[in-house]
Amino acid sequence: MRVNEISVKLDRFGGVSFHIQVNFIKNRFVFLEWRNREHPKPFSNLQWVRPGSIEEFKKEISLLKIWEWEPNYRKESGIILEGEYWSVKLTTDGQVYMCEGGEDFPMNWERFCLALERLTGITFR
């Protein structure tokens, strides 16, 4: 299976949110971070970070078998007013795999977050 792209979103209601999009074909990624008033980060505090290897991240994705994750992970049904909402979209040559969750995560989520941190150089959790 050839992995072409992955898009990851982590929304923390009332906190810091992230969106990471990795294009394995073009060998590049984009990392966006949103902050609300309670969690500001002045431009004067920005630091240069050295990104990790997209190829190593791709290997980790293969080991995690994201395509086997369930489509939905929910701790409770209904509307989430606080906490974390996440989504992952994995595109391969033949299929698109999508999964999402609210306050509940796949078993290997922490390992996935560590792989994202190694790639971006930014704390994802």
Protein backbone atom coordinates (compact mmCIF):
# COMPACT_ATOMS: atom_id res chain seq x y z
CA MET A 1 0.00 0.00 0.00
CA ARG A 2 1.45 3.36 -1.04
CA VAL A 3 0.68 6.17 1.41
CA ASN A 4 0.34 9.51 -0.41
CA GLU A 5 -0.85 11.98 2.20
CA ILE A 6 -2.02 12.34 5.77
CA SER A 7 -3.95 15.18 7.38
CA VAL A 8 -4.23 15.39 11.17
CA LYS A 9 -6.32 17.84 13.20
CA LEU A 10 -6.42 18.22 16.94
CA ASP A 11 -8.87 20.77 18.31
CA ARG A 12 -8.76 21.64 21.97
CA PHE A 13 -11.78 23.66 22.92
CA GLY A 14 -10.47 26.58 24.91
CA GLY A 15 -6.84 25.70 24.20
CA VAL A 16 -4.25 25.20 21.48
CA SER A 17 -5.29 23.48 18.22
CA PHE A 18 -3.17 21.95 15.47
CA HIS A 19 -3.45 20.93 11.83
CA ILE A 20 -0.66 18.95 10.16
CA GLN A 21 -0.73 17.93 6.52
CA VAL A 22 2.02 15.69 5.15
CA ASN A 23 2.43 15.09 1.41
CA PHE A 24 4.68 12.04 1.01
CA ILE A 25 4.83 12.37 -2.78
CA LYS A 26 6.17 15.94 -2.67
CA ASN A 27 8.18 15.18 0.49
CA ARG A 28 6.87 18.17 2.47
CA PHE A 29 4.53 19.05 5.31
CA VAL A 30 2.61 22.03 6.66
CA PHE A 31 2.07 22.61 10.35
CA LEU A 32 -0.50 25.13 11.65
CA GLU A 33 -1.09 26.08 15.26
CA TRP A 34 -4.04 28.12 16.57
CA ARG A 35 -4.11 29.72 19.99
CA ASN A 36 -6.86 31.52 21.83
CA ARG A 37 -6.51 34.51 24.13
CA GLU A 38 -5.91 32.35 27.19
CA HIS A 39 -2.89 30.65 25.54
CA PRO A 40 -1.03 33.40 23.64
CA LYS A 41 2.42 32.93 22.15
CA PRO A 42 4.04 36.24 21.25
CA PHE A 43 6.01 36.40 18.01
CA SER A 44 9.08 37.35 20.05
CA ASN A 45 8.99 33.86 21.64
CA LEU A 46 9.00 31.95 18.36
CA GLN A 47 11.90 29.54 17.99
CA TRP A 48 13.44 27.87 14.98
CA VAL A 49 12.87 24.12 15.08
CA ARG A 50 14.55 21.51 12.97
CA PRO A 51 11.98 19.24 11.31
CA GLY A 52 12.37 15.50 11.34
CA SER A 53 12.42 13.05 8.45
CA ILE A 54 9.27 12.59 6.40
CA GLU A 55 10.55 9.16 5.35
CA GLU A 56 10.93 8.09 9.01
CA PHE A 57 7.44 9.41 9.75
CA LYS A 58 6.07 7.39 6.83
CA LYS A 59 7.68 4.23 8.24
CA GLU A 60 6.09 4.90 11.61
CA ILE A 61 2.68 5.41 9.96
CA SER A 62 3.04 2.01 8.32
CA LEU A 63 3.90 0.37 11.65
CA LEU A 64 0.91 2.02 13.36
CA LYS A 65 -1.50 0.68 10.69
CA ILE A 66 -3.77 3.72 10.84
CA TRP A 67 -5.93 2.18 8.11
CA GLU A 68 -7.04 -0.36 10.74
CA TRP A 69 -8.25 2.30 13.20
CA GLU A 70 -11.99 2.46 13.83
CA PRO A 71 -13.88 5.26 12.03
CA ASN A 72 -15.12 6.79 15.33
CA TYR A 73 -13.80 7.02 18.87
CA ARG A 74 -16.21 8.70 21.28
CA LYS A 75 -16.13 8.64 25.04
CA GLU A 76 -19.74 9.79 25.18
CA SER A 77 -22.43 10.51 22.66
CA GLY A 78 -23.66 14.05 22.15
CA ILE A 79 -21.99 17.41 21.74
CA ILE A 80 -18.51 17.97 23.17
CA LEU A 81 -18.25 21.36 24.87
CA GLU A 82 -14.79 20.86 26.37
CA GLY A 83 -11.88 18.56 25.72
CA GLU A 84 -10.23 17.34 22.55
CA TYR A 85 -11.62 16.52 19.15
CA TRP A 86 -9.29 14.95 16.58
CA SER A 87 -9.43 13.64 13.04
CA VAL A 88 -7.05 11.78 10.74
CA LYS A 89 -7.39 11.41 6.98
CA LEU A 90 -4.98 9.00 5.30
CA THR A 91 -4.87 8.89 1.49
CA THR A 92 -3.33 5.95 -0.37
CA ASP A 93 -3.24 5.08 -4.06
CA GLY A 94 -6.48 3.16 -3.82
CA GLN A 95 -8.41 4.42 -0.82
CA VAL A 96 -9.05 7.19 1.71
CA TYR A 97 -9.19 6.22 5.39
CA MET A 98 -10.85 8.62 7.80
CA CYS A 99 -11.23 8.41 11.56
CA GLU A 100 -12.12 10.85 14.29
CA GLY A 101 -12.76 11.03 17.96
CA GLY A 102 -13.76 13.08 20.94
CA GLU A 103 -12.06 12.49 24.25
CA ASP A 104 -11.31 8.90 23.17
CA PHE A 105 -8.35 7.69 21.13
CA PRO A 106 -6.98 4.60 19.34
CA MET A 107 -4.75 2.38 21.47
CA ASN A 108 -1.53 3.61 19.80
CA TRP A 109 -2.45 7.33 19.79
CA GLU A 110 0.46 8.34 22.05
CA ARG A 111 2.94 6.68 19.70
CA PHE A 112 1.29 8.49 16.78
CA CYS A 113 1.63 11.84 18.62
CA LEU A 114 5.31 11.14 19.31
CA ALA A 115 5.88 10.47 15.60
CA LEU A 116 4.19 13.80 14.77
CA GLU A 117 6.39 15.55 17.33
CA ARG A 118 9.55 14.05 15.86
CA LEU A 119 8.46 15.18 12.40
CA THR A 120 7.44 18.75 13.29
CA GLY A 121 9.71 19.49 16.24
CA ILE A 122 6.63 20.82 18.09
CA THR A 123 4.85 19.30 21.09
CA PHE A 124 1.60 17.91 19.69
CA ARG A 125 0.02 16.65 22.89
